[in-house]
């Protein structure tokens, strides 16, 4: 089913005087309500309709951001599985306790859009540059992977509130990943975070969560979908790895039990909707046969995985609904030599755009959680954060540090996108 662009009319908002923006801070864009001029030595420079940034230039520059009526992408809500994707209007409002993606437009991540505009497009020409600009309009989750990114969530929620007050139809929802656990990823080299349990990590993490909660409470009128925090305007999906981690017969039962235990120990939070799978990974939703690297696991794709996991979760009293990250799974099978090879895998492509057309009642939506083009980890063997997975033969090299822009990887994803842009 082909999808069409949606256009939302934004009402004019009376200007407010703000202090000048700091160097490299946001200074304009759709729904932006903060400073529109920059400190001396920087000029507010338009990058796209969602983001203008204070970049080095003549001092105190006024905003060059341009007004726009372009809307956030709206995910489709048909019950048919989609083979082509893009932006589409939706007319069905989601019930309060139902699928939180239905009847919502997802906010386009200005940070990711700015990365593409500033780092990707200048290195591309012709059709590739045009396609890259289209990628910048696809909603992706904003990762709160350090405490200093938390205030940006407030900025984006302010933008979303302004869009909704201006009459956005369907209303816009924000999507975020809470990702700053102490010793996260088992203290893995490439993705270990800023906190460690041995160094006051638990207290630091509590303060980090408290700051997120404070912001969310200030925007109780705005729908938020994220991976954690129990508030009435929030829908939560907890991370459930993917079929290659927990789909094995020896793992899936104990995993369901553990999810149930954690859920009950937390008081069975009402806003937990379910689980997120395949985050930052490459697995297929469905497949005609099982790739060689999945040998031995009968749940060799994400559809098989969630359908095997769902009844086990239900038996434990855990809500059995799911979302799947399709941001980098457009090429199947992948070039992975082993299913556990996770770092900058070669030959991958952008996958299905965000949609509720999943064809499975258990699967609430396909979403882009991992912003494609941000590196998984560095291939520099002398780097402190080097992980051997990033130096394997199925990892694209040379690669920069995790989370930084990886132009060659973005170009690979764009070239191999399925559906194409």
Protein backbone atom coordinates (compact mmCIF):
# COMPACT_ATOMS: atom_id res chain seq x y z
CA UNK A 1 0.00 0.00 0.00
CA UNK A 2 1.48 3.32 -1.01
CA UNK A 3 1.72 6.01 1.61
CA UNK A 4 1.15 9.74 1.13
CA UNK A 5 2.63 12.80 2.73
CA UNK A 6 0.73 14.58 5.46
CA UNK A 7 0.78 18.37 5.76
CA UNK A 8 -0.05 20.05 9.05
CA UNK A 9 -0.78 23.77 9.32
CA UNK A 10 1.00 25.35 12.29
CA UNK A 11 -0.54 28.42 13.88
CA UNK A 12 1.71 31.43 14.39
CA UNK A 13 3.09 31.77 17.91
CA UNK A 14 3.83 35.17 19.42
CA UNK A 15 7.59 35.68 19.66
CA UNK A 16 9.29 35.70 23.04
CA UNK A 17 12.65 37.28 23.86
CA UNK A 18 15.27 34.72 24.92
CA UNK A 19 18.95 34.90 25.78
CA UNK A 20 21.24 34.20 22.87
CA UNK A 21 21.95 30.56 22.14
CA UNK A 22 25.33 29.09 23.02
CA UNK A 23 27.70 27.82 20.35
CA UNK A 24 26.37 24.70 18.59
CA UNK A 25 23.01 24.92 20.38
CA UNK A 26 19.64 24.74 18.61
CA UNK A 27 18.30 28.12 17.48
CA UNK A 28 15.35 27.32 15.24
CA UNK A 29 13.19 24.72 13.56
CA UNK A 30 9.63 23.49 13.45
CA UNK A 31 7.98 24.14 16.83
CA UNK A 32 11.13 25.69 18.30
CA UNK A 33 10.34 28.23 21.03
CA UNK A 34 13.80 29.06 22.38
CA UNK A 35 16.54 31.49 21.41
CA UNK A 36 16.77 32.41 17.73
CA UNK A 37 20.05 34.35 17.89
CA UNK A 38 23.52 33.19 18.87
CA UNK A 39 26.38 34.41 21.02
CA UNK A 40 29.22 36.34 19.42
CA UNK A 41 31.18 34.29 16.92
CA UNK A 42 28.22 32.09 15.92
CA UNK A 43 25.35 32.47 13.46
CA UNK A 44 22.01 30.67 13.54
CA UNK A 45 22.27 28.50 10.45
CA UNK A 46 19.35 26.69 8.79
CA UNK A 47 19.98 22.98 8.22
CA UNK A 48 16.45 21.66 7.64
CA UNK A 49 12.85 22.40 8.56
CA UNK A 50 13.30 20.78 11.96
CA UNK A 51 16.62 22.19 13.05
CA UNK A 52 18.75 25.34 12.91
CA UNK A 53 22.02 25.46 14.84
CA UNK A 54 24.45 28.08 16.17
CA UNK A 55 27.52 27.46 14.00
CA UNK A 56 30.79 29.41 13.80
CA UNK A 57 30.34 32.60 11.83
CA UNK A 58 29.71 36.30 12.29
CA UNK A 59 28.71 37.27 15.81
CA UNK A 60 25.22 37.22 17.26
CA UNK A 61 23.54 36.11 14.08
CA UNK A 62 19.77 36.19 13.85
CA UNK A 63 17.91 33.05 13.01
CA UNK A 64 18.02 31.96 9.42
CA UNK A 65 15.59 29.15 10.07
CA UNK A 66 12.67 29.18 7.70
CA UNK A 67 9.02 28.72 8.67
CA UNK A 68 7.55 25.48 7.50
CA UNK A 69 4.33 23.53 7.51
CA UNK A 70 5.95 20.14 7.01
CA UNK A 71 4.58 17.65 9.53
CA UNK A 72 6.23 14.93 11.55
CA UNK A 73 5.89 11.53 9.91
CA UNK A 74 2.65 9.77 10.75
CA UNK A 75 2.69 6.02 10.98
CA UNK A 76 0.00 4.11 9.15
CA UNK A 77 -2.70 2.26 11.02
CA UNK A 78 -4.11 -0.26 8.58
CA UNK A 79 -4.15 -3.87 9.74
CA UNK A 80 -2.58 -5.00 6.45
CA UNK A 81 1.15 -5.65 6.36
CA UNK A 82 2.92 -2.90 4.45
CA UNK A 83 5.50 -3.44 1.74
CA UNK A 84 6.16 0.21 0.96
CA UNK A 85 6.47 2.94 3.50
CA UNK A 86 6.68 6.68 3.94
CA UNK A 87 4.35 9.21 5.53
CA UNK A 88 0.60 8.81 5.77
CA UNK A 89 -2.42 10.29 7.42
CA UNK A 90 -4.29 8.20 9.96
CA UNK A 91 -7.84 8.55 11.16
CA UNK A 92 -8.11 6.06 14.01
CA UNK A 93 -7.64 7.35 17.55
CA UNK A 94 -5.95 4.92 19.92
CA UNK A 95 -7.88 3.85 23.04
CA UNK A 96 -6.25 4.92 26.28
CA UNK A 97 -5.14 1.38 27.13
CA UNK A 98 -4.42 0.30 23.55
CA UNK A 99 -1.64 0.60 21.03
CA UNK A 100 -0.05 4.00 21.77
CA UNK A 101 1.17 4.38 18.19
CA UNK A 102 -2.29 4.31 16.64
CA UNK A 103 -3.58 7.76 15.75
CA UNK A 104 -0.26 9.46 16.48
CA UNK A 105 2.35 11.24 14.38
CA UNK A 106 5.86 10.49 15.61
CA UNK A 107 8.15 13.45 16.21
CA UNK A 108 11.10 13.68 13.85
CA UNK A 109 14.31 13.67 15.91
CA UNK A 110 15.96 17.07 15.21
CA UNK A 111 19.34 15.82 16.40
CA UNK A 112 19.39 12.98 13.87
CA UNK A 113 18.07 15.28 11.16
CA UNK A 114 20.87 17.72 11.90
CA UNK A 115 23.48 14.95 11.74
CA UNK A 116 22.27 14.03 8.27
CA UNK A 117 22.13 17.64 7.10
CA UNK A 118 25.51 18.63 8.51
CA UNK A 119 27.50 15.41 8.11
CA UNK A 120 25.87 13.20 5.48
CA UNK A 121 24.42 15.40 2.75
CA UNK A 122 27.54 17.56 2.14
CA UNK A 123 29.42 14.39 1.17
CA UNK A 124 26.72 13.19 -1.22
CA UNK A 125 25.53 14.34 -4.63
CA UNK A 126 22.52 13.94 -6.89
CA UNK A 127 20.02 11.22 -6.04
CA UNK A 128 21.93 10.09 -2.96
CA UNK A 129 21.73 13.58 -1.45
CA UNK A 130 18.01 13.73 -2.20
CA UNK A 131 17.46 10.33 -0.60
CA UNK A 132 19.47 11.34 2.45
CA UNK A 133 17.22 14.36 2.91
CA UNK A 134 14.25 11.96 2.91
CA UNK A 135 15.89 9.85 5.64
CA UNK A 136 16.15 12.99 7.79
CA UNK A 137 12.34 13.14 7.84
CA UNK A 138 11.91 9.61 9.23
CA UNK A 139 11.13 9.60 12.97
CA UNK A 140 13.80 8.03 15.16
CA UNK A 141 13.98 7.69 18.92
CA UNK A 142 16.16 10.21 20.77
CA UNK A 143 18.67 8.43 23.02
CA UNK A 144 19.13 9.78 26.54
CA UNK A 145 22.49 8.02 26.79
CA UNK A 146 24.10 10.65 29.02
CA UNK A 147 22.68 12.88 31.72
CA UNK A 148 23.56 16.03 29.80
CA UNK A 149 21.13 15.04 27.04
CA UNK A 150 18.12 15.00 29.37
CA UNK A 151 17.35 18.75 29.02
CA UNK A 152 17.11 18.24 25.25
CA UNK A 153 14.12 15.99 25.89
CA UNK A 154 12.42 18.99 27.47
CA UNK A 155 13.23 21.08 24.41
CA UNK A 156 11.70 18.50 22.09
CA UNK A 157 8.62 18.06 24.27
CA UNK A 158 8.16 21.83 24.18
CA UNK A 159 8.29 21.68 20.39
CA UNK A 160 5.77 18.83 20.37
CA UNK A 161 3.42 20.69 22.69
CA UNK A 162 3.57 23.72 20.38
CA UNK A 163 2.73 21.56 17.37
CA UNK A 164 -0.22 19.98 19.16
CA UNK A 165 -1.53 23.32 20.42
CA UNK A 166 -1.29 24.59 16.86
CA UNK A 167 -3.75 21.88 15.83
CA UNK A 168 -1.58 18.96 14.76
CA UNK A 169 -3.91 16.26 13.47
CA UNK A 170 -3.11 13.55 14.31
CA UNK A 171 -1.40 14.67 17.51
CA UNK A 172 2.36 14.29 17.77
CA UNK A 173 4.07 11.93 20.22
CA UNK A 174 7.69 11.93 21.35
CA UNK A 175 9.87 8.81 21.37
CA UNK A 176 12.90 8.40 23.62
CA UNK A 177 15.31 5.72 24.86
CA UNK A 178 16.35 5.80 28.52
CA UNK A 179 19.88 4.42 28.28
CA UNK A 180 22.26 5.32 31.08
CA UNK A 181 22.26 2.36 33.46
CA UNK A 182 25.39 1.96 35.58
CA UNK A 183 27.70 -0.58 33.92
CA UNK A 184 25.25 -0.76 31.00
CA UNK A 185 25.68 -3.50 28.40
CA UNK A 186 27.57 -5.52 31.04
CA UNK A 187 30.27 -2.83 30.99
CA UNK A 188 31.04 -3.61 27.34
CA UNK A 189 33.98 -1.67 25.97
CA UNK A 190 32.26 0.08 23.05
CA UNK A 191 28.96 0.99 24.72
CA UNK A 192 29.68 1.20 28.44
CA UNK A 193 28.20 4.41 29.81
CA UNK A 194 29.20 7.21 32.16
CA UNK A 195 28.13 5.50 35.41
CA UNK A 196 29.55 2.51 37.27
CA UNK A 197 28.14 0.87 40.38
CA UNK A 198 31.59 0.99 41.95
CA UNK A 199 31.65 4.78 41.60
CA UNK A 200 28.32 6.01 43.02
CA UNK A 201 26.53 4.76 39.90
CA UNK A 202 23.22 3.86 41.55
CA UNK A 203 22.80 7.31 43.12
CA UNK A 204 23.83 8.99 39.88
CA UNK A 205 21.32 6.91 37.94
CA UNK A 206 18.53 7.77 40.37
CA UNK A 207 19.30 11.46 39.88
CA UNK A 208 19.28 10.94 36.10
CA UNK A 209 15.86 9.24 36.24
CA UNK A 210 14.49 11.90 38.59
CA UNK A 211 15.47 14.62 36.11
CA UNK A 212 13.63 12.77 33.34
CA UNK A 213 10.54 12.36 35.51
CA UNK A 214 10.53 16.08 36.35
CA UNK A 215 10.50 16.98 32.66
CA UNK A 216 7.82 14.43 31.81
CA UNK A 217 5.57 15.74 34.58
CA UNK A 218 5.91 19.23 33.12
CA UNK A 219 4.56 17.86 29.83
CA UNK A 220 1.75 15.68 31.14
CA UNK A 221 -0.39 16.82 28.19
CA UNK A 222 2.04 15.28 25.68
CA UNK A 223 2.14 11.62 24.66
CA UNK A 224 5.54 10.01 25.16
CA UNK A 225 6.68 6.57 24.13
CA UNK A 226 9.91 5.43 25.69
CA UNK A 227 11.98 2.63 27.08
CA UNK A 228 11.13 3.52 30.81
CA UNK A 229 9.29 5.72 33.45
CA UNK A 230 5.77 5.12 34.78
CA UNK A 231 3.60 8.20 34.22
CA UNK A 232 0.06 8.49 32.81
CA UNK A 233 1.20 10.15 29.57
CA UNK A 234 3.98 7.61 29.01
CA UNK A 235 3.85 4.22 27.29
CA UNK A 236 6.78 1.97 28.20
CA UNK A 237 8.47 -0.83 26.29
CA UNK A 238 11.33 -2.63 28.01
CA UNK A 239 14.29 -3.94 26.05
CA UNK A 240 14.03 -7.65 25.21
CA UNK A 241 17.13 -8.16 23.11
CA UNK A 242 16.28 -10.12 19.98
CA UNK A 243 15.76 -13.68 18.76
CA UNK A 244 19.49 -14.33 18.65
CA UNK A 245 19.91 -13.47 22.33
CA UNK A 246 16.77 -14.73 24.06
CA UNK A 247 14.96 -16.79 21.42
CA UNK A 248 16.85 -20.00 22.13
CA UNK A 249 14.90 -22.75 23.89
CA UNK A 250 17.22 -22.60 26.90
CA UNK A 251 16.79 -18.82 27.23
CA UNK A 252 13.23 -17.90 26.34
CA UNK A 253 11.49 -19.46 29.36
CA UNK A 254 13.86 -18.02 31.97
CA UNK A 255 13.71 -14.65 30.19
CA UNK A 256 9.91 -14.56 30.47
CA UNK A 257 10.14 -15.48 34.15
CA UNK A 258 12.64 -12.70 34.78
CA UNK A 259 10.49 -10.11 33.00
CA UNK A 260 7.56 -11.20 35.15
CA UNK A 261 9.59 -10.97 38.34
CA UNK A 262 10.91 -7.50 37.53
CA UNK A 263 7.44 -6.28 36.55
CA UNK A 264 5.85 -7.52 39.78
CA UNK A 265 8.74 -6.28 41.93
CA UNK A 266 8.15 -2.81 40.47
CA UNK A 267 4.49 -2.97 41.47
CA UNK A 268 3.15 -3.99 38.04
CA UNK A 269 3.40 -0.46 36.55
CA UNK A 270 0.25 0.36 34.63
CA UNK A 271 2.07 2.15 31.82
CA UNK A 272 4.21 -0.81 30.81
CA UNK A 273 2.87 -1.77 27.39
CA UNK A 274 5.33 -4.52 26.51
CA UNK A 275 8.78 -5.14 25.06
CA UNK A 276 11.03 -3.70 22.37
CA UNK A 277 13.05 -6.13 20.25
CA UNK A 278 15.86 -5.94 17.71
CA UNK A 279 17.00 -2.54 19.00
CA UNK A 280 20.16 -1.50 17.12
CA UNK A 281 20.21 -4.91 15.46
CA UNK A 282 19.59 -6.41 12.05
CA UNK A 283 17.13 -9.31 12.32
CA UNK A 284 14.34 -9.99 9.86
CA UNK A 285 10.70 -9.70 10.89
CA UNK A 286 9.84 -12.74 8.78
CA UNK A 287 11.93 -14.98 6.54
CA UNK A 288 11.24 -17.78 4.07
CA UNK A 289 14.07 -19.82 5.58
CA UNK A 290 16.43 -19.53 8.51
CA UNK A 291 19.85 -18.00 7.77
CA UNK A 292 22.86 -20.22 8.44
CA UNK A 293 24.04 -18.04 11.31
CA UNK A 294 20.81 -18.77 13.22
CA UNK A 295 21.33 -22.54 13.09
CA UNK A 296 19.91 -24.28 16.14
CA UNK A 297 17.41 -21.57 17.07
CA UNK A 298 13.90 -22.37 15.88
CA UNK A 299 12.94 -18.73 16.54
CA UNK A 300 15.15 -17.44 13.73
CA UNK A 301 13.31 -14.15 13.13
CA UNK A 302 11.55 -11.58 15.29
CA UNK A 303 8.01 -12.68 14.45
CA UNK A 304 8.75 -16.23 15.55
CA UNK A 305 10.50 -14.89 18.63
CA UNK A 306 7.68 -12.67 19.90
CA UNK A 307 5.01 -15.27 19.17
CA UNK A 308 6.97 -17.84 21.17
CA UNK A 309 7.64 -15.36 23.98
CA UNK A 310 4.12 -13.89 24.26
CA UNK A 311 2.33 -16.84 25.93
CA UNK A 312 5.23 -17.26 28.36
CA UNK A 313 4.98 -13.59 29.31
CA UNK A 314 1.22 -13.81 29.72
CA UNK A 315 1.67 -16.74 32.07
CA UNK A 316 3.94 -14.53 34.17
CA UNK A 317 1.43 -11.66 34.19
CA UNK A 318 3.55 -9.44 31.93
CA UNK A 319 1.86 -7.46 29.10
CA UNK A 320 2.61 -9.21 25.81
CA UNK A 321 2.83 -6.40 23.24
CA UNK A 322 5.88 -5.55 21.18
CA UNK A 323 7.64 -3.02 18.99
CA UNK A 324 10.56 -3.84 16.68
CA UNK A 325 13.45 -1.72 15.46
CA UNK A 326 13.54 -1.98 11.66
CA UNK A 327 15.98 0.88 11.11
CA UNK A 328 18.81 -1.34 9.86
CA UNK A 329 17.24 -4.65 8.81
CA UNK A 330 16.50 -3.93 5.14
CA UNK A 331 18.88 -6.60 3.78
CA UNK A 332 18.12 -10.25 4.55
CA UNK A 333 19.91 -12.45 5.23
CA UNK A 334 22.68 -10.29 6.60
CA UNK A 335 26.42 -10.75 6.09
CA UNK A 336 26.90 -11.68 9.75
CA UNK A 337 29.35 -14.53 10.24
CA UNK A 338 27.79 -15.22 13.63
CA UNK A 339 24.45 -14.08 15.02
CA UNK A 340 26.19 -12.34 17.89
CA UNK A 341 28.16 -10.07 15.54
CA UNK A 342 26.52 -6.74 16.33
CA UNK A 343 29.04 -4.05 15.40
CA UNK A 344 28.70 -2.03 12.17
CA UNK A 345 27.73 -5.11 10.15
CA UNK A 346 28.60 -4.81 6.45
CA UNK A 347 25.97 -4.83 3.71
CA UNK A 348 23.03 -3.65 5.81
CA UNK A 349 20.30 -1.27 4.67
CA UNK A 350 17.55 0.91 6.09
CA UNK A 351 14.38 -1.13 6.65
CA UNK A 352 10.65 -0.56 6.75
CA UNK A 353 9.70 2.94 7.88
CA UNK A 354 7.75 3.41 11.13
CA UNK A 355 4.29 1.92 10.76
CA UNK A 356 1.59 0.03 12.64
CA UNK A 357 1.06 -2.15 9.55
CA UNK A 358 2.73 -5.15 11.13
CA UNK A 359 0.25 -7.87 10.23
CA UNK A 360 0.47 -9.28 13.76
CA UNK A 361 -1.77 -8.31 16.66
CA UNK A 362 1.12 -8.74 19.09
CA UNK A 363 3.32 -6.25 17.23
CA UNK A 364 2.23 -2.67 17.94
CA UNK A 365 4.61 -1.02 15.49
CA UNK A 366 7.78 -1.16 13.49
CA UNK A 367 9.94 1.80 14.55
CA UNK A 368 13.42 3.22 14.04
CA UNK A 369 15.07 3.19 17.46
CA UNK A 370 18.74 3.19 16.43
CA UNK A 371 19.57 6.25 14.29
CA UNK A 372 21.22 4.72 11.25
CA UNK A 373 24.60 6.28 10.61
CA UNK A 374 25.70 6.54 14.23
CA UNK A 375 28.54 4.06 14.79
CA UNK A 376 28.22 1.00 17.01
CA UNK A 377 31.87 1.18 18.05
CA UNK A 378 35.37 1.97 16.86
CA UNK A 379 37.60 -0.39 14.87
CA UNK A 380 40.72 1.31 16.23
CA UNK A 381 42.44 -1.44 18.21
CA UNK A 382 44.40 1.10 20.27
CA UNK A 383 41.29 2.93 21.47
CA UNK A 384 40.23 2.53 25.10
CA UNK A 385 36.69 1.65 23.98
CA UNK A 386 37.69 -0.86 21.30
CA UNK A 387 35.57 -4.04 21.22
CA UNK A 388 36.83 -6.97 19.15
CA UNK A 389 33.43 -7.31 17.44
CA UNK A 390 34.15 -4.01 15.68
CA UNK A 391 37.29 -5.47 14.15
CA UNK A 392 35.72 -8.63 12.74
CA UNK A 393 35.62 -9.34 9.01
CA UNK A 394 31.85 -8.69 8.89
CA UNK A 395 32.21 -5.19 10.44
CA UNK A 396 32.63 -2.14 8.21
CA UNK A 397 36.01 -0.50 8.81
CA UNK A 398 37.52 1.93 9.62
CA UNK A 399 34.84 2.93 12.12
CA UNK A 400 34.72 5.82 14.63
CA UNK A 401 33.72 5.71 18.29
CA UNK A 402 30.26 4.48 19.27
CA UNK A 403 27.55 7.09 18.82
CA UNK A 404 29.58 9.33 16.52
CA UNK A 405 28.73 9.88 12.86
CA UNK A 406 29.90 7.13 10.49
CA UNK A 407 29.41 8.48 6.98
CA UNK A 408 30.41 5.29 5.14
CA UNK A 409 27.88 3.33 7.18
CA UNK A 410 25.10 5.82 6.49
CA UNK A 411 25.88 5.64 2.76
CA UNK A 412 25.73 1.84 2.96
CA UNK A 413 22.34 1.91 4.69
CA UNK A 414 21.02 4.40 2.14
CA UNK A 415 22.30 2.44 -0.87
CA UNK A 416 20.81 -0.82 0.41
CA UNK A 417 17.55 0.61 1.80
CA UNK A 418 14.59 -1.75 1.40
CA UNK A 419 12.16 -0.25 0.55
CA UNK A 420 14.38 2.26 -1.22
CA UNK A 421 14.07 6.00 -0.71
